[in-house]
Amino acid sequence: MDPNQAYNMCCKYQGKRVRINDNQGNLHVGTITRVDNRKVWIMPDNDFGGYGIGFWGFGPGFGYGIALGAITGIALAS
């Protein structure tokens, strides 16, 4: 998937629960919490009461980042 296309889809799905496939064959399921020009941030479903690994360490955070160039597919999750 083209990084620009991935960026646009991630912006469209921000705040929604998604399934993201990457070029390493990994499946990421969770809610998109943030999108920038290089990464999409996803809070996994198994977060700890809304807390996850944020940019500054543990605490309320954005989840973890996935490089837009590594994304091979995005779909809304049920």
Protein backbone atom coordinates (compact mmCIF):
# COMPACT_ATOMS: atom_id res chain seq x y z
CA MET A 1 0.00 0.00 0.00
CA ASP A 2 1.26 3.45 -0.89
CA PRO A 3 2.21 5.48 2.26
CA ASN A 4 0.00 8.39 1.12
CA GLN A 5 -2.97 6.04 0.74
CA ALA A 6 -2.21 4.52 4.17
CA TYR A 7 -2.02 8.02 5.70
CA ASN A 8 -5.38 9.03 4.22
CA MET A 9 -7.09 5.84 5.39
CA CYS A 10 -5.60 6.15 8.89
CA CYS A 11 -6.84 9.75 9.13
CA LYS A 12 -10.28 8.61 8.00
CA TYR A 13 -10.33 5.80 10.60
CA GLN A 14 -8.83 7.78 13.50
CA GLY A 15 -10.70 6.94 16.72
CA LYS A 16 -12.03 3.72 15.24
CA ARG A 17 -11.07 0.09 15.87
CA VAL A 18 -9.04 -1.28 12.95
CA ARG A 19 -7.01 -4.24 11.75
CA ILE A 20 -3.64 -3.31 10.22
CA ASN A 21 -1.38 -5.74 8.36
CA ASP A 22 2.29 -4.86 7.98
CA ASN A 23 5.04 -5.99 5.63
CA GLN A 24 6.45 -8.34 8.29
CA GLY A 25 3.23 -10.37 8.30
CA ASN A 26 2.02 -9.00 11.67
CA LEU A 27 -1.62 -8.21 12.39
CA HIS A 28 -2.30 -5.24 14.67
CA VAL A 29 -5.80 -4.81 16.13
CA GLY A 30 -6.79 -1.75 18.13
CA THR A 31 -7.97 1.84 18.01
CA ILE A 32 -6.11 4.49 16.01
CA THR A 33 -5.23 7.23 18.48
CA ARG A 34 -2.95 9.45 16.40
CA VAL A 35 -1.63 9.83 12.86
CA ASP A 36 1.38 11.85 11.74
CA ASN A 37 3.28 12.02 8.46
CA ARG A 38 5.42 8.96 9.31
CA LYS A 39 3.44 6.73 11.69
CA VAL A 40 0.02 5.68 12.82
CA TRP A 41 -0.40 5.13 16.55
CA ILE A 42 -2.63 2.27 17.68
CA MET A 43 -3.88 1.44 21.17
CA PRO A 44 -4.13 -2.35 21.33
CA ASP A 45 -7.36 -3.97 22.49
CA ASN A 46 -5.60 -5.45 25.49
CA ASP A 47 -4.63 -2.11 27.00
CA PHE A 48 -4.66 -1.64 30.75
CA GLY A 49 -7.66 0.57 31.50
CA GLY A 50 -6.79 3.10 28.81
CA TYR A 51 -3.11 3.18 29.73
CA GLY A 52 -0.44 2.11 27.32
CA ILE A 53 3.09 2.84 26.27
CA GLY A 54 3.17 6.50 25.33
CA PHE A 55 5.90 8.67 23.90
CA TRP A 56 7.19 9.60 27.36
CA GLY A 57 6.98 6.10 28.87
CA PHE A 58 4.19 4.35 30.69
CA GLY A 59 0.99 6.19 31.40
CA PRO A 60 -1.82 7.58 29.29
CA GLY A 61 -0.39 7.35 25.82
CA PHE A 62 -0.94 6.82 22.16
CA GLY A 63 -0.21 3.09 22.14
CA TYR A 64 2.57 2.14 19.73
CA GLY A 65 3.54 3.41 16.31
CA ILE A 66 3.50 1.61 12.99
CA ALA A 67 5.40 3.15 10.08
CA LEU A 68 3.07 4.16 7.25
CA GLY A 69 5.48 2.64 4.72
CA ALA A 70 5.22 -0.76 6.44
CA ILE A 71 1.42 -0.98 6.17
CA THR A 72 0.13 -3.43 3.58
CA GLY A 73 -3.57 -3.29 4.51
CA ILE A 74 -6.08 -1.50 6.75
CA ALA A 75 -9.66 -2.49 7.50
CA LEU A 76 -12.26 -1.53 10.08
CA ALA A 77 -12.54 -4.21 12.75
CA SER A 78 -15.86 -5.41 14.08
